[in-house]
Amino acid sequence: MLLILRGVAMARVKSRKFAGVYYNELEGGDRSYSFIYKDLNGKTCRVSTGKKSNGITEQFTFNKRAEVINKLKNGVDPLAHKKKQKKILFEDIWNYYIKTKGLSDKVRVDYQGRWKKHMEFYFSDSVGFQGLKDFRTDKQAATTLSARTIDMMITTIGTAIEFWNSAQKRLIAEGKSSQPLYDNPVPLLRKDDLHSLTKRERNKKTVTRERFLSAKEVKVLLDVLKDKPELLLFITLSLSTGGRLGTIMQIRKKHINGNKIILINEKVGDSTYTGFLNPQSQKLLKPILVEIEDDDLVIRLEQRPLQRRLQRVMNKLFNEKLEANDRVHRVMVHTLRHTFASKLVSTGVAIATVQKLLDHSKIETTMRYAHLAPDAGIDAVMGLWS
């Protein structure tokens, strides 16, 4: 634990290498280290980090100073006691998400590990726009994490906030909670990112994967997976419901009622919508449902191993001749959702119905598939005045 002192005058030596870092020469050749910073009121504070004999170094002390300064940028005073804060702590929201969200044990452990190692210091008190930017900048500079991993952590923060808000809205409506909602700064960060890009970079970033599988390609994929029951079940459920990866992985026995299924929209907390199971899905599920309990997952393979195994199959079948950076035409797990939507539209299903089945919040998102619609109204128009 860091010892924080204010206004203490002692003989110290200023580090020549690290700004704001000081040390005291002690008896026996030992040293004690400290750093200074200005709090939210502009007052200088000093923090003692420990002794050289305990493994403390100038570099360690400098890093601790940087952490405190980053907290201040996020509007958090390191001296303020958590209990004195009236607003809800983000740490409480994160813990609620981890404990309440239907995650597998492996994913839950992974998220908590990332929280402790990378995120807790920055966000235990609060999450703000500038704090997210500082977190990303610091982690990118450290070069220990990929840009994709950092972005995933930021996305998960936004998901946790949306999950909290969705749950609180429901509980408030039921008179079971008076907890406040929490402002989600992640969309603001995404918007700022787009505005900060050049036009060329923006066009490149907004390229979306519209690749979908033909009926022949679907048949090939199903044939290849016929001896891999977990992967085959995932593919079949995806093509029957259009659910995202996380949505399919959260399906439990209790969600299934005949050919109807309750799906969880992982992007907006615990929001649910209705899907339908085709005969092939029902056939594959029948022996599984007999063996499991109501709260058991129908797919027992962990999400990441399933995704890796399935992606290897897709790469071999569809991606071998593509350039490594061809994001538009590469077949991914999410391509199954595009395939579901594209097939519905191409067979004449109304865009509004497709929107409902995909649980899109905006019709504009579904309209990406409108160009696939057949000339369903041509006969009616031709005969309108005859």
Protein backbone atom coordinates (compact mmCIF):
# COMPACT_ATOMS: atom_id res chain seq x y z
CA MET A 1 0.00 0.00 0.00
CA LEU A 2 1.30 3.46 -0.90
CA LEU A 3 1.79 5.93 1.95
CA ILE A 4 0.55 9.38 0.93
CA LEU A 5 2.01 12.43 2.67
CA ARG A 6 1.23 16.12 2.22
CA GLY A 7 3.59 19.03 2.85
CA VAL A 8 6.39 17.02 4.47
CA ALA A 9 9.81 18.69 4.12
CA MET A 10 12.68 16.18 4.00
CA ALA A 11 16.14 16.09 2.45
CA ARG A 12 15.66 14.36 -0.87
CA VAL A 13 17.55 13.90 -4.10
CA LYS A 14 15.71 14.48 -7.36
CA SER A 15 16.08 11.75 -9.96
CA ARG A 16 18.03 12.80 -13.03
CA LYS A 17 16.26 10.25 -15.19
CA PHE A 18 12.60 10.33 -14.13
CA ALA A 19 10.46 13.45 -13.73
CA GLY A 20 8.81 13.91 -10.34
CA VAL A 21 10.75 11.05 -8.72
CA TYR A 22 12.89 11.49 -5.57
CA TYR A 23 14.98 9.29 -3.30
CA ASN A 24 16.55 9.46 0.18
CA GLU A 25 19.88 7.86 0.99
CA LEU A 26 19.47 5.68 4.10
CA GLU A 27 21.86 3.98 6.45
CA GLY A 28 23.43 0.78 5.21
CA GLY A 29 23.33 1.89 1.57
CA ASP A 30 19.55 1.58 1.32
CA ARG A 31 17.28 4.08 -0.43
CA SER A 32 13.66 5.14 -0.04
CA TYR A 33 11.72 6.37 -3.07
CA SER A 34 8.86 8.82 -3.50
CA PHE A 35 7.18 10.93 -6.14
CA ILE A 36 5.19 14.16 -6.24
CA TYR A 37 2.08 15.21 -8.14
CA LYS A 38 -0.61 17.89 -7.98
CA ASP A 39 -4.10 16.86 -6.95
CA LEU A 40 -7.40 18.05 -8.46
CA ASN A 41 -7.15 21.25 -6.40
CA GLY A 42 -3.62 22.02 -7.60
CA LYS A 43 -2.02 21.08 -4.28
CA THR A 44 1.30 19.24 -4.34
CA CYS A 45 1.20 15.75 -2.80
CA ARG A 46 4.02 13.33 -2.14
CA VAL A 47 3.73 9.55 -2.29
CA SER A 48 6.25 7.19 -0.70
CA THR A 49 6.60 3.97 -2.71
CA GLY A 50 9.09 2.07 -0.52
CA LYS A 51 12.69 1.07 -0.15
CA LYS A 52 15.29 -0.28 -2.55
CA SER A 53 15.82 -3.23 -0.20
CA ASN A 54 12.19 -4.19 -0.81
CA GLY A 55 12.64 -4.22 -4.56
CA ILE A 56 11.44 -0.67 -5.25
CA THR A 57 13.22 1.19 -8.08
CA GLU A 58 13.13 4.60 -9.72
CA GLN A 59 11.36 3.03 -12.73
CA PHE A 60 8.68 1.49 -10.49
CA THR A 61 8.15 4.82 -8.72
CA PHE A 62 7.88 6.65 -12.05
CA ASN A 63 5.28 4.13 -13.26
CA LYS A 64 3.24 4.62 -10.09
CA ARG A 65 3.35 8.37 -10.60
CA ALA A 66 2.10 7.93 -14.17
CA GLU A 67 -0.79 5.78 -12.89
CA VAL A 68 -1.83 8.43 -10.37
CA ILE A 69 -1.66 11.19 -13.01
CA ASN A 70 -3.77 9.11 -15.38
CA LYS A 71 -6.38 8.69 -12.65
CA LEU A 72 -6.43 12.44 -12.16
CA LYS A 73 -7.00 12.91 -15.91
CA ASN A 74 -10.04 10.70 -15.49
CA GLY A 75 -11.34 12.98 -12.74
CA VAL A 76 -10.47 10.62 -9.88
CA ASP A 77 -8.55 11.89 -6.84
CA PRO A 78 -6.38 9.06 -5.46
CA LEU A 79 -6.94 10.46 -1.95
CA ALA A 80 -10.72 10.34 -2.13
CA HIS A 81 -12.18 7.42 -0.23
CA LYS A 82 -14.54 5.30 -2.27
CA LYS A 83 -17.25 5.40 0.39
CA LYS A 84 -17.45 9.18 0.13
CA GLN A 85 -18.44 9.01 -3.53
CA LYS A 86 -22.16 9.28 -4.13
CA LYS A 87 -22.11 7.98 -7.68
CA ILE A 88 -21.87 4.26 -8.37
CA LEU A 89 -18.36 2.89 -8.85
CA PHE A 90 -17.59 1.26 -12.16
CA GLU A 91 -15.96 -1.59 -10.25
CA ASP A 92 -19.42 -2.44 -8.89
CA ILE A 93 -20.84 -2.43 -12.41
CA TRP A 94 -18.01 -4.65 -13.66
CA ASN A 95 -18.49 -7.16 -10.85
CA TYR A 96 -22.25 -7.21 -11.48
CA TYR A 97 -21.61 -7.94 -15.15
CA ILE A 98 -19.13 -10.72 -14.43
CA LYS A 99 -21.34 -12.39 -11.81
CA THR A 100 -24.72 -11.97 -13.52
CA LYS A 101 -23.97 -12.27 -17.23
CA GLY A 102 -24.29 -15.80 -18.60
CA LEU A 103 -20.57 -16.32 -19.20
CA SER A 104 -18.74 -19.60 -19.12
CA ASP A 105 -16.37 -20.14 -16.19
CA LYS A 106 -13.37 -19.93 -18.50
CA VAL A 107 -14.44 -16.60 -20.01
CA ARG A 108 -15.29 -15.23 -16.55
CA VAL A 109 -11.80 -16.10 -15.26
CA ASP A 110 -10.23 -14.57 -18.38
CA TYR A 111 -12.17 -11.30 -17.98
CA GLN A 112 -11.29 -11.03 -14.30
CA GLY A 113 -7.64 -11.66 -15.08
CA ARG A 114 -7.61 -8.84 -17.63
CA TRP A 115 -9.42 -6.60 -15.14
CA LYS A 116 -6.86 -7.18 -12.39
CA LYS A 117 -3.83 -6.95 -14.65
CA HIS A 118 -4.76 -4.14 -17.03
CA MET A 119 -8.03 -2.37 -16.23
CA GLU A 120 -8.64 -2.09 -12.49
CA PHE A 121 -6.27 0.79 -11.81
CA TYR A 122 -7.77 2.94 -14.56
CA PHE A 123 -11.45 2.18 -14.08
CA SER A 124 -12.19 0.92 -10.55
CA ASP A 125 -13.78 4.27 -9.64
CA SER A 126 -15.17 5.53 -12.92
CA VAL A 127 -15.00 5.33 -16.70
CA GLY A 128 -14.79 8.48 -18.79
CA PHE A 129 -14.01 9.44 -22.37
CA GLN A 130 -10.53 10.80 -21.58
CA GLY A 131 -9.79 7.88 -19.28
CA LEU A 132 -10.51 5.44 -22.11
CA LYS A 133 -8.20 7.34 -24.43
CA ASP A 134 -5.43 7.42 -21.83
CA PHE A 135 -5.86 3.72 -21.12
CA ARG A 136 -5.55 2.88 -24.81
CA THR A 137 -2.54 5.15 -25.30
CA ASP A 138 -0.72 3.71 -22.28
CA LYS A 139 -1.37 0.12 -23.25
CA GLN A 140 -0.33 0.70 -26.86
CA ALA A 141 2.90 2.34 -25.67
CA ALA A 142 3.64 -0.64 -23.42
CA THR A 143 3.57 -2.90 -26.54
CA THR A 144 2.59 -5.90 -24.42
CA LEU A 145 -0.94 -6.06 -25.86
CA SER A 146 -2.17 -6.05 -29.44
CA ALA A 147 -4.43 -3.23 -30.64
CA ARG A 148 -7.21 -5.78 -31.08
CA THR A 149 -6.91 -6.97 -27.46
CA ILE A 150 -6.99 -3.40 -26.15
CA ASP A 151 -10.03 -2.63 -28.27
CA MET A 152 -11.72 -5.80 -27.01
CA MET A 153 -11.27 -4.66 -23.42
CA ILE A 154 -12.77 -1.25 -24.23
CA THR A 155 -15.69 -2.94 -25.98
CA THR A 156 -16.27 -5.16 -22.94
CA ILE A 157 -16.39 -2.07 -20.72
CA GLY A 158 -19.15 -0.66 -22.91
CA THR A 159 -20.97 -3.99 -22.88
CA ALA A 160 -20.81 -4.14 -19.07
CA ILE A 161 -22.30 -0.65 -18.81
CA GLU A 162 -25.12 -1.47 -21.25
CA PHE A 163 -25.78 -4.70 -19.36
CA TRP A 164 -26.03 -2.75 -16.08
CA ASN A 165 -28.32 -0.08 -17.56
CA SER A 166 -30.61 -2.64 -19.17
CA ALA A 167 -30.94 -4.57 -15.90
CA GLN A 168 -31.51 -1.42 -13.82
CA LYS A 169 -34.21 -0.13 -16.17
CA ARG A 170 -36.09 -3.39 -15.71
CA LEU A 171 -35.58 -3.47 -11.93
CA ILE A 172 -36.56 0.20 -11.55
CA ALA A 173 -39.73 -0.43 -13.53
CA GLU A 174 -40.50 -3.33 -11.17
CA GLY A 175 -39.78 -1.17 -8.11
CA LYS A 176 -36.86 -3.39 -7.11
CA SER A 177 -33.98 -0.94 -7.53
CA SER A 178 -33.11 2.72 -7.13
CA GLN A 179 -29.57 2.44 -8.49
CA PRO A 180 -28.62 5.10 -11.08
CA LEU A 181 -27.90 4.39 -14.73
CA TYR A 182 -24.34 4.91 -15.94
CA ASP A 183 -23.19 7.03 -18.87
CA ASN A 184 -21.44 4.91 -21.48
CA PRO A 185 -18.45 6.78 -22.98
CA VAL A 186 -17.47 4.01 -25.42
CA PRO A 187 -19.77 5.19 -28.28
CA LEU A 188 -18.32 8.69 -27.87
CA LEU A 189 -14.81 7.25 -28.18
CA ARG A 190 -15.80 5.36 -31.36
CA LYS A 191 -17.29 8.52 -32.83
CA ASP A 192 -14.19 10.51 -31.95
CA ASP A 193 -12.01 7.85 -33.59
CA LEU A 194 -13.91 8.19 -36.86
CA HIS A 195 -13.72 11.99 -36.83
CA SER A 196 -9.96 11.89 -36.19
CA LEU A 197 -9.29 9.69 -39.23
CA THR A 198 -8.52 10.99 -42.70
CA LYS A 199 -11.16 10.34 -45.37
CA ARG A 200 -9.09 7.49 -46.80
CA GLU A 201 -8.60 5.92 -43.37
CA ARG A 202 -12.29 6.37 -42.57
CA ASN A 203 -13.37 4.64 -45.78
CA LYS A 204 -10.99 1.80 -45.05
CA LYS A 205 -12.22 1.47 -41.46
CA THR A 206 -15.90 1.45 -42.41
CA VAL A 207 -15.53 -1.39 -44.90
CA THR A 208 -17.87 -4.12 -43.72
CA ARG A 209 -17.87 -7.84 -44.39
CA GLU A 210 -20.85 -8.52 -46.64
CA ARG A 211 -19.65 -11.97 -47.70
CA PHE A 212 -22.30 -14.65 -47.39
CA LEU A 213 -22.34 -18.33 -48.28
CA SER A 214 -24.21 -19.74 -51.25
CA ALA A 215 -26.49 -22.76 -50.83
CA LYS A 216 -23.73 -24.91 -52.36
CA GLU A 217 -21.13 -23.57 -49.92
CA VAL A 218 -23.46 -24.18 -46.96
CA LYS A 219 -23.89 -27.79 -48.07
CA VAL A 220 -20.11 -28.24 -48.36
CA LEU A 221 -19.60 -26.80 -44.89
CA LEU A 222 -22.26 -29.02 -43.32
CA ASP A 223 -20.83 -32.10 -45.03
CA VAL A 224 -17.31 -31.36 -43.74
CA LEU A 225 -18.64 -30.97 -40.17
CA LYS A 226 -20.91 -34.02 -40.10
CA ASP A 227 -18.47 -35.87 -37.82
CA LYS A 228 -17.94 -32.83 -35.56
CA PRO A 229 -21.23 -32.62 -33.63
CA GLU A 230 -20.53 -29.48 -31.56
CA LEU A 231 -19.44 -27.48 -34.62
CA LEU A 232 -22.28 -28.86 -36.72
CA LEU A 233 -24.83 -27.86 -34.08
CA PHE A 234 -23.38 -24.35 -33.89
CA ILE A 235 -23.52 -23.91 -37.68
CA THR A 236 -27.06 -25.23 -37.86
CA LEU A 237 -28.30 -22.97 -35.05
CA SER A 238 -26.57 -19.98 -36.63
CA LEU A 239 -28.13 -20.58 -40.02
CA SER A 240 -31.54 -21.15 -38.43
CA THR A 241 -31.59 -18.08 -36.17
CA GLY A 242 -28.96 -15.66 -37.50
CA GLY A 243 -27.65 -15.28 -33.95
CA ARG A 244 -24.22 -13.83 -33.30
CA LEU A 245 -21.45 -16.02 -31.87
CA GLY A 246 -22.11 -14.97 -28.26
CA THR A 247 -25.86 -15.35 -28.73
CA ILE A 248 -25.61 -18.94 -29.94
CA MET A 249 -23.17 -19.86 -27.17
CA GLN A 250 -25.68 -18.66 -24.52
CA ILE A 251 -28.58 -20.86 -25.65
CA ARG A 252 -29.84 -23.05 -22.80
CA LYS A 253 -32.46 -25.78 -22.73
CA LYS A 254 -34.93 -23.47 -20.98
CA HIS A 255 -34.78 -21.08 -23.95
CA ILE A 256 -36.23 -23.68 -26.33
CA ASN A 257 -39.94 -24.37 -26.75
CA GLY A 258 -40.74 -26.49 -29.77
CA ASN A 259 -39.60 -24.60 -32.85
CA LYS A 260 -39.36 -21.30 -30.97
CA ILE A 261 -36.25 -20.12 -29.17
CA ILE A 262 -35.46 -17.15 -26.95
CA LEU A 263 -32.19 -15.53 -28.00
CA ILE A 264 -30.04 -13.14 -25.95
CA ASN A 265 -28.75 -10.06 -27.76
CA GLU A 266 -25.25 -9.90 -26.32
CA LYS A 267 -24.67 -6.40 -27.69
CA VAL A 268 -27.33 -4.77 -25.50
CA GLY A 269 -27.02 -6.48 -22.13
CA ASP A 270 -29.66 -9.09 -21.32
CA SER A 271 -32.18 -8.02 -24.00
CA THR A 272 -33.94 -10.98 -25.63
CA TYR A 273 -35.78 -11.64 -28.88
CA THR A 274 -37.50 -14.60 -30.53
CA GLY A 275 -36.02 -16.89 -33.15
CA PHE A 276 -37.13 -20.10 -34.81
CA LEU A 277 -35.58 -23.54 -35.22
CA ASN A 278 -35.67 -25.27 -38.57
CA PRO A 279 -36.23 -29.06 -38.75
CA GLN A 280 -32.50 -29.79 -39.00
CA SER A 281 -31.79 -27.82 -35.81
CA GLN A 282 -34.60 -29.57 -33.95
CA LYS A 283 -33.29 -32.96 -35.07
CA LEU A 284 -29.78 -32.24 -33.78
CA LEU A 285 -31.09 -30.79 -30.52
CA LYS A 286 -33.54 -33.58 -29.69
CA PRO A 287 -31.07 -36.10 -28.16
CA ILE A 288 -29.16 -33.30 -26.41
CA LEU A 289 -32.22 -31.82 -24.72
CA VAL A 290 -33.14 -35.20 -23.26
CA GLU A 291 -29.80 -35.44 -21.43
CA ILE A 292 -29.41 -31.92 -20.00
CA GLU A 293 -31.12 -29.80 -17.33
CA ASP A 294 -33.16 -26.66 -18.05
CA ASP A 295 -30.33 -24.28 -17.17
CA ASP A 296 -27.62 -26.19 -19.08
CA LEU A 297 -26.05 -24.81 -22.26
CA VAL A 298 -26.86 -26.78 -25.41
CA ILE A 299 -23.32 -26.25 -26.74
CA ARG A 300 -20.87 -27.47 -24.12
CA LEU A 301 -17.67 -26.58 -25.97
CA GLU A 302 -16.07 -23.33 -24.75
CA GLN A 303 -16.51 -20.31 -27.04
CA ARG A 304 -12.88 -19.67 -27.93
CA PRO A 305 -11.95 -23.28 -28.78
CA LEU A 306 -15.12 -23.56 -30.86
CA GLN A 307 -14.37 -20.34 -32.70
CA ARG A 308 -10.77 -21.35 -33.39
CA ARG A 309 -11.73 -24.80 -34.65
CA LEU A 310 -14.52 -23.48 -36.83
CA GLN A 311 -12.34 -20.71 -38.27
CA ARG A 312 -9.70 -23.25 -39.27
CA VAL A 313 -12.36 -25.17 -41.23
CA MET A 314 -13.64 -22.01 -42.90
CA ASN A 315 -10.13 -20.85 -43.80
CA LYS A 316 -9.39 -24.17 -45.48
CA LEU A 317 -12.69 -24.22 -47.39
CA PHE A 318 -13.11 -20.58 -48.38
CA ASN A 319 -10.13 -18.35 -47.55
CA GLU A 320 -7.00 -20.06 -48.86
CA LYS A 321 -6.81 -18.02 -52.10
CA LEU A 322 -7.54 -14.67 -50.45
CA GLU A 323 -5.02 -12.00 -49.52
CA ALA A 324 -4.34 -11.88 -45.78
CA ASN A 325 -5.75 -8.34 -45.51
CA ASP A 326 -8.90 -8.98 -47.57
CA ARG A 327 -11.49 -8.18 -44.91
CA VAL A 328 -14.42 -7.89 -47.31
CA HIS A 329 -14.39 -11.38 -48.83
CA ARG A 330 -12.97 -13.44 -45.98
CA VAL A 331 -15.41 -15.96 -44.48
CA MET A 332 -15.64 -15.60 -40.71
CA VAL A 333 -18.00 -16.96 -38.06
CA HIS A 334 -20.06 -13.76 -38.40
CA THR A 335 -20.52 -14.62 -42.09
CA LEU A 336 -23.16 -17.11 -40.96
CA ARG A 337 -25.31 -14.21 -39.73
CA HIS A 338 -24.90 -12.47 -43.10
CA THR A 339 -25.84 -15.71 -44.83
CA PHE A 340 -29.03 -16.04 -42.76
CA ALA A 341 -30.06 -12.45 -43.54
CA SER A 342 -29.14 -12.64 -47.21
CA LYS A 343 -31.09 -15.84 -47.74
CA LEU A 344 -34.21 -14.35 -46.12
CA VAL A 345 -34.10 -11.21 -48.26
CA SER A 346 -33.32 -13.05 -51.51
CA THR A 347 -36.37 -15.30 -51.00
CA GLY A 348 -38.70 -12.32 -50.64
CA VAL A 349 -39.03 -11.93 -46.89
CA ALA A 350 -39.92 -8.33 -45.98
CA ILE A 351 -37.05 -6.17 -44.72
CA ALA A 352 -39.05 -5.30 -41.58
CA THR A 353 -39.38 -9.01 -40.79
CA VAL A 354 -35.67 -9.59 -41.36
CA GLN A 355 -34.94 -6.68 -39.01
CA LYS A 356 -37.04 -8.34 -36.31
CA LEU A 357 -35.38 -11.73 -36.79
CA LEU A 358 -31.90 -10.17 -36.57
CA ASP A 359 -32.95 -7.92 -33.67
CA HIS A 360 -31.50 -4.87 -35.40
CA SER A 361 -32.39 -1.67 -33.55
CA LYS A 362 -32.31 0.37 -36.79
CA ILE A 363 -33.86 -0.56 -40.13
CA GLU A 364 -30.89 1.11 -41.86
CA THR A 365 -28.66 -1.74 -40.65
CA THR A 366 -30.93 -4.32 -42.24
CA MET A 367 -31.22 -2.32 -45.46
CA ARG A 368 -27.67 -3.38 -46.34
CA TYR A 369 -29.28 -6.54 -47.70
CA ALA A 370 -32.07 -4.82 -49.66
CA HIS A 371 -30.22 -5.08 -52.98
CA LEU A 372 -30.64 -8.85 -52.78
CA ALA A 373 -34.45 -8.66 -52.80
CA PRO A 374 -36.18 -10.13 -55.88
CA ASP A 375 -38.65 -8.13 -57.96
CA ALA A 376 -41.42 -9.34 -55.71
CA GLY A 377 -43.88 -6.57 -56.67
CA ILE A 378 -43.38 -6.58 -60.42
CA ASP A 379 -46.40 -8.76 -61.24
CA ALA A 380 -48.68 -6.68 -59.03
CA VAL A 381 -47.54 -3.44 -60.65
CA MET A 382 -47.85 -4.75 -64.22
CA GLY A 383 -51.41 -5.80 -63.64
CA LEU A 384 -52.41 -2.83 -61.52
CA TRP A 385 -54.51 -0.96 -64.14
CA SER A 386 -55.37 -3.78 -66.52
